[in-house]
Amino acid sequence: MVVFEMKIGNTIVRGHDDCVVRTAAERQEILDNIGRIAAGIYRDKEKKQKEETG
């Protein structure tokens, strides 16, 4: 269910009640996933730079 909605420029931001972190374990799982995603992005970026430089 949408619990809030706001417009910023041409963007509409909607907050859903199912997006709320309820436990410390759930929060840690989210942070771990963000870390894995970010690490993959940086790893791919470095690999691409190495390939471009030779």
PDB file of N, CA and C in Angstrom:
ATOM      1  N   MET A   1       0.840  -1.172   0.000  1.00  0.00           N
ATOM      2  CA  MET A   1       0.000   0.000   0.000  1.00  0.00           C
ATOM      3  C   MET A   1       0.894   1.248   0.000  1.00  0.00           C
ATOM      4  N   VAL A   2       0.521   2.243  -0.774  1.00  0.00           N
ATOM      5  CA  VAL A   2       1.263   3.505  -0.831  1.00  0.00           C
ATOM      6  C   VAL A   2       0.952   4.300   0.435  1.00  0.00           C
ATOM      7  N   VAL A   3       2.010   4.676   1.169  1.00  0.00           N
ATOM      8  CA  VAL A   3       1.800   5.434   2.410  1.00  0.00           C
ATOM      9  C   VAL A   3       2.152   6.906   2.257  1.00  0.00           C
ATOM     10  N   PHE A   4       2.918   7.249   1.217  1.00  0.00           N
ATOM     11  CA  PHE A   4       3.144   8.653   0.905  1.00  0.00           C
ATOM     12  C   PHE A   4       3.504   8.799  -0.558  1.00  0.00           C
ATOM     13  N   GLU A   5       3.300   9.990  -1.063  1.00  0.00           N
ATOM     14  CA  GLU A   5       3.631  10.300  -2.446  1.00  0.00           C
ATOM     15  C   GLU A   5       4.019  11.760  -2.527  1.00  0.00           C
ATOM     16  N   MET A   6       5.107  12.049  -3.251  1.00  0.00           N
ATOM     17  CA  MET A   6       5.521  13.432  -3.448  1.00  0.00           C
ATOM     18  C   MET A   6       6.089  13.577  -4.844  1.00  0.00           C
ATOM     19  N   LYS A   7       6.047  14.782  -5.356  1.00  0.00           N
ATOM     20  CA  LYS A   7       6.587  15.060  -6.677  1.00  0.00           C
ATOM     21  C   LYS A   7       7.801  15.957  -6.525  1.00  0.00           C
ATOM     22  N   ILE A   8       8.912  15.534  -7.135  1.00  0.00           N
ATOM     23  CA  ILE A   8      10.149  16.312  -7.149  1.00  0.00           C
ATOM     24  C   ILE A   8      10.498  16.525  -8.618  1.00  0.00           C
ATOM     25  N   GLY A   9      10.298  17.730  -9.096  1.00  0.00           N
ATOM     26  CA  GLY A   9      10.506  17.996 -10.522  1.00  0.00           C
ATOM     27  C   GLY A   9       9.538  17.168 -11.334  1.00  0.00           C
ATOM     28  N   ASN A  10      10.063  16.380 -12.275  1.00  0.00           N
ATOM     29  CA  ASN A  10       9.220  15.506 -13.095  1.00  0.00           C
ATOM     30  C   ASN A  10       9.103  14.100 -12.522  1.00  0.00           C
ATOM     31  N   THR A  11       9.648  13.894 -11.329  1.00  0.00           N
ATOM     32  CA  THR A  11       9.682  12.568 -10.727  1.00  0.00           C
ATOM     33  C   THR A  11       8.637  12.451  -9.628  1.00  0.00           C
ATOM     34  N   ILE A  12       7.929  11.354  -9.600  1.00  0.00           N
ATOM     35  CA  ILE A  12       6.991  11.069  -8.519  1.00  0.00           C
ATOM     36  C   ILE A  12       7.618  10.000  -7.631  1.00  0.00           C
ATOM     37  N   VAL A  13       7.734  10.293  -6.338  1.00  0.00           N
ATOM     38  CA  VAL A  13       8.301   9.365  -5.364  1.00  0.00           C
ATOM     39  C   VAL A  13       7.150   8.810  -4.537  1.00  0.00           C
ATOM     40  N   ARG A  14       7.046   7.496  -4.501  1.00  0.00           N
ATOM     41  CA  ARG A  14       6.000   6.849  -3.713  1.00  0.00           C
ATOM     42  C   ARG A  14       6.646   5.931  -2.692  1.00  0.00           C
ATOM     43  N   GLY A  15       6.189   6.031  -1.458  1.00  0.00           N
ATOM     44  CA  GLY A  15       6.673   5.146  -0.399  1.00  0.00           C
ATOM     45  C   GLY A  15       5.619   4.101  -0.086  1.00  0.00           C
ATOM     46  N   HIS A  16       6.020   2.854  -0.114  1.00  0.00           N
ATOM     47  CA  HIS A  16       5.106   1.745   0.169  1.00  0.00           C
ATOM     48  C   HIS A  16       5.399   1.188   1.551  1.00  0.00           C
ATOM     49  N   ASP A  17       4.365   0.758   2.269  1.00  0.00           N
ATOM     50  CA  ASP A  17       4.579   0.242   3.608  1.00  0.00           C
ATOM     51  C   ASP A  17       5.323  -1.092   3.598  1.00  0.00           C
ATOM     52  N   ASP A  18       5.360  -1.797   2.482  1.00  0.00           N
ATOM     53  CA  ASP A  18       6.109  -3.046   2.420  1.00  0.00           C
ATOM     54  C   ASP A  18       7.605  -2.808   2.204  1.00  0.00           C
ATOM     55  N   CYS A  19       8.019  -1.547   2.086  1.00  0.00           N
ATOM     56  CA  CYS A  19       9.433  -1.198   1.915  1.00  0.00           C
ATOM     57  C   CYS A  19      10.096  -0.851   3.246  1.00  0.00           C
ATOM     58  N   VAL A  20       9.405  -1.036   4.350  1.00  0.00           N
ATOM     59  CA  VAL A  20       9.924  -0.693   5.669  1.00  0.00           C
ATOM     60  C   VAL A  20      10.723  -1.870   6.224  1.00  0.00           C
ATOM     61  N   VAL A  21      11.906  -1.587   6.715  1.00  0.00           N
ATOM     62  CA  VAL A  21      12.730  -2.622   7.333  1.00  0.00           C
ATOM     63  C   VAL A  21      12.229  -2.839   8.757  1.00  0.00           C
ATOM     64  N   ARG A  22      11.908  -4.080   9.083  1.00  0.00           N
ATOM     65  CA  ARG A  22      11.284  -4.358  10.372  1.00  0.00           C
ATOM     66  C   ARG A  22      12.238  -4.955  11.420  1.00  0.00           C
ATOM     67  N   THR A  23      13.317  -5.596  10.959  1.00  0.00           N
ATOM     68  CA  THR A  23      14.229  -6.228  11.913  1.00  0.00           C
ATOM     69  C   THR A  23      15.674  -5.867  11.587  1.00  0.00           C
ATOM     70  N   ALA A  24      16.532  -6.042  12.576  1.00  0.00           N
ATOM     71  CA  ALA A  24      17.962  -5.786  12.372  1.00  0.00           C
ATOM     72  C   ALA A  24      18.537  -6.768  11.351  1.00  0.00           C
ATOM     73  N   ALA A  25      18.059  -8.006  11.363  1.00  0.00           N
ATOM     74  CA  ALA A  25      18.549  -9.002  10.404  1.00  0.00           C
ATOM     75  C   ALA A  25      18.162  -8.625   8.971  1.00  0.00           C
ATOM     76  N   GLU A  26      16.949  -8.123   8.806  1.00  0.00           N
ATOM     77  CA  GLU A  26      16.501  -7.689   7.481  1.00  0.00           C
ATOM     78  C   GLU A  26      17.337  -6.504   6.995  1.00  0.00           C
ATOM     79  N   ARG A  27      17.634  -5.576   7.895  1.00  0.00           N
ATOM     80  CA  ARG A  27      18.465  -4.417   7.546  1.00  0.00           C
ATOM     81  C   ARG A  27      19.851  -4.874   7.118  1.00  0.00           C
ATOM     82  N   GLN A  28      20.435  -5.818   7.843  1.00  0.00           N
ATOM     83  CA  GLN A  28      21.772  -6.305   7.511  1.00  0.00           C
ATOM     84  C   GLN A  28      21.777  -7.033   6.177  1.00  0.00           C
ATOM     85  N   GLU A  29      20.735  -7.790   5.895  1.00  0.00           N
ATOM     86  CA  GLU A  29      20.631  -8.486   4.616  1.00  0.00           C
ATOM     87  C   GLU A  29      20.591  -7.489   3.456  1.00  0.00           C
ATOM     88  N   ILE A  30      19.839  -6.415   3.620  1.00  0.00           N
ATOM     89  CA  ILE A  30      19.767  -5.375   2.591  1.00  0.00           C
ATOM     90  C   ILE A  30      21.131  -4.731   2.387  1.00  0.00           C
ATOM     91  N   LEU A  31      21.808  -4.396   3.480  1.00  0.00           N
ATOM     92  CA  LEU A  31      23.132  -3.772   3.376  1.00  0.00           C
ATOM     93  C   LEU A  31      24.137  -4.717   2.721  1.00  0.00           C
ATOM     94  N   ASP A  32      24.067  -5.996   3.047  1.00  0.00           N
ATOM     95  CA  ASP A  32      24.960  -6.979   2.426  1.00  0.00           C
ATOM     96  C   ASP A  32      24.718  -7.057   0.915  1.00  0.00           C
ATOM     97  N   ASN A  33      23.441  -7.046   0.522  1.00  0.00           N
ATOM     98  CA  ASN A  33      23.112  -7.087  -0.907  1.00  0.00           C
ATOM     99  C   ASN A  33      23.616  -5.844  -1.628  1.00  0.00           C
ATOM    100  N   ILE A  34      23.458  -4.679  -1.010  1.00  0.00           N
ATOM    101  CA  ILE A  34      23.965  -3.440  -1.604  1.00  0.00           C
ATOM    102  C   ILE A  34      25.478  -3.525  -1.774  1.00  0.00           C
ATOM    103  N   GLY A  35      26.161  -4.056  -0.774  1.00  0.00           N
ATOM    104  CA  GLY A  35      27.614  -4.212  -0.848  1.00  0.00           C
ATOM    105  C   GLY A  35      28.033  -5.122  -1.986  1.00  0.00           C
ATOM    106  N   ARG A  36      27.331  -6.238  -2.168  1.00  0.00           N
ATOM    107  CA  ARG A  36      27.643  -7.157  -3.270  1.00  0.00           C
ATOM    108  C   ARG A  36      27.421  -6.482  -4.626  1.00  0.00           C
ATOM    109  N   ILE A  37      26.319  -5.739  -4.742  1.00  0.00           N
ATOM    110  CA  ILE A  37      26.023  -5.057  -6.005  1.00  0.00           C
ATOM    111  C   ILE A  37      27.086  -4.011  -6.305  1.00  0.00           C
ATOM    112  N   ALA A  38      27.434  -3.190  -5.305  1.00  0.00           N
ATOM    113  CA  ALA A  38      28.436  -2.143  -5.504  1.00  0.00           C
ATOM    114  C   ALA A  38      29.796  -2.747  -5.847  1.00  0.00           C
ATOM    115  N   ALA A  39      30.174  -3.816  -5.165  1.00  0.00           N
ATOM    116  CA  ALA A  39      31.462  -4.453  -5.443  1.00  0.00           C
ATOM    117  C   ALA A  39      31.503  -4.958  -6.882  1.00  0.00           C
ATOM    118  N   GLY A  40      30.402  -5.521  -7.355  1.00  0.00           N
ATOM    119  CA  GLY A  40      30.341  -5.999  -8.736  1.00  0.00           C
ATOM    120  C   GLY A  40      30.476  -4.865  -9.744  1.00  0.00           C
ATOM    121  N   ILE A  41      29.845  -3.745  -9.448  1.00  0.00           N
ATOM    122  CA  ILE A  41      29.936  -2.584 -10.340  1.00  0.00           C
ATOM    123  C   ILE A  41      31.376  -2.104 -10.435  1.00  0.00           C
ATOM    124  N   TYR A  42      32.048  -1.941  -9.289  1.00  0.00           N
ATOM    125  CA  TYR A  42      33.439  -1.476  -9.298  1.00  0.00           C
ATOM    126  C   TYR A  42      34.377  -2.484  -9.935  1.00  0.00           C
ATOM    127  N   ARG A  43      34.134  -3.774  -9.704  1.00  0.00           N
ATOM    128  CA  ARG A  43      34.964  -4.816 -10.301  1.00  0.00           C
ATOM    129  C   ARG A  43      34.833  -4.785 -11.826  1.00  0.00           C
ATOM    130  N   ASP A  44      33.586  -4.663 -12.317  1.00  0.00           N
ATOM    131  CA  ASP A  44      33.366  -4.600 -13.771  1.00  0.00           C
ATOM    132  C   ASP A  44      33.996  -3.346 -14.370  1.00  0.00           C
ATOM    133  N   LYS A  45      33.906  -2.232 -13.638  1.00  0.00           N
ATOM    134  CA  LYS A  45      34.479  -0.975 -14.124  1.00  0.00           C
ATOM    135  C   LYS A  45      36.001  -1.094 -14.248  1.00  0.00           C
ATOM    136  N   GLU A  46      36.649  -1.664 -13.230  1.00  0.00           N
ATOM    137  CA  GLU A  46      38.106  -1.840 -13.273  1.00  0.00           C
ATOM    138  C   GLU A  46      38.500  -2.788 -14.403  1.00  0.00           C
ATOM    139  N   LYS A  47      37.735  -3.862 -14.589  1.00  0.00           N
ATOM    140  CA  LYS A  47      38.033  -4.811 -15.649  1.00  0.00           C
ATOM    141  C   LYS A  47      37.934  -4.134 -17.019  1.00  0.00           C
ATOM    142  N   LYS A  48      36.900  -3.333 -17.211  1.00  0.00           N
ATOM    143  CA  LYS A  48      36.723  -2.630 -18.481  1.00  0.00           C
ATOM    144  C   LYS A  48      37.859  -1.648 -18.721  1.00  0.00           C
ATOM    145  N   GLN A  49      38.296  -0.928 -17.687  1.00  0.00           N
ATOM    146  CA  GLN A  49      39.399   0.014 -17.831  1.00  0.00           C
ATOM    147  C   GLN A  49      40.680  -0.690 -18.198  1.00  0.00           C
ATOM    148  N   LYS A  50      40.940  -1.844 -17.592  1.00  0.00           N
ATOM    149  CA  LYS A  50      42.141  -2.621 -17.911  1.00  0.00           C
ATOM    150  C   LYS A  50      42.117  -3.119 -19.351  1.00  0.00           C
ATOM    151  N   GLU A  51      40.935  -3.528 -19.815  1.00  0.00           N
ATOM    152  CA  GLU A  51      40.809  -4.008 -21.194  1.00  0.00           C
ATOM    153  C   GLU A  51      41.039  -2.867 -22.183  1.00  0.00           C
ATOM    154  N   GLU A  52      40.583  -1.663 -21.851  1.00  0.00           N
ATOM    155  CA  GLU A  52      40.723  -0.520 -22.740  1.00  0.00           C
ATOM    156  C   GLU A  52      42.171  -0.037 -22.827  1.00  0.00           C
ATOM    157  N   THR A  53      42.919  -0.192 -21.727  1.00  0.00           N
ATOM    158  CA  THR A  53      44.301   0.302 -21.706  1.00  0.00           C
ATOM    159  C   THR A  53      45.281  -0.742 -22.246  1.00  0.00           C
ATOM    160  N   GLY A  54      44.818  -1.939 -22.424  1.00  0.00           N
ATOM    161  CA  GLY A  54      45.711  -2.884 -23.078  1.00  0.00           C
ATOM    162  C   GLY A  54      46.039  -4.033 -22.259  1.00  0.00           C
TER     163      GLY A  54
END
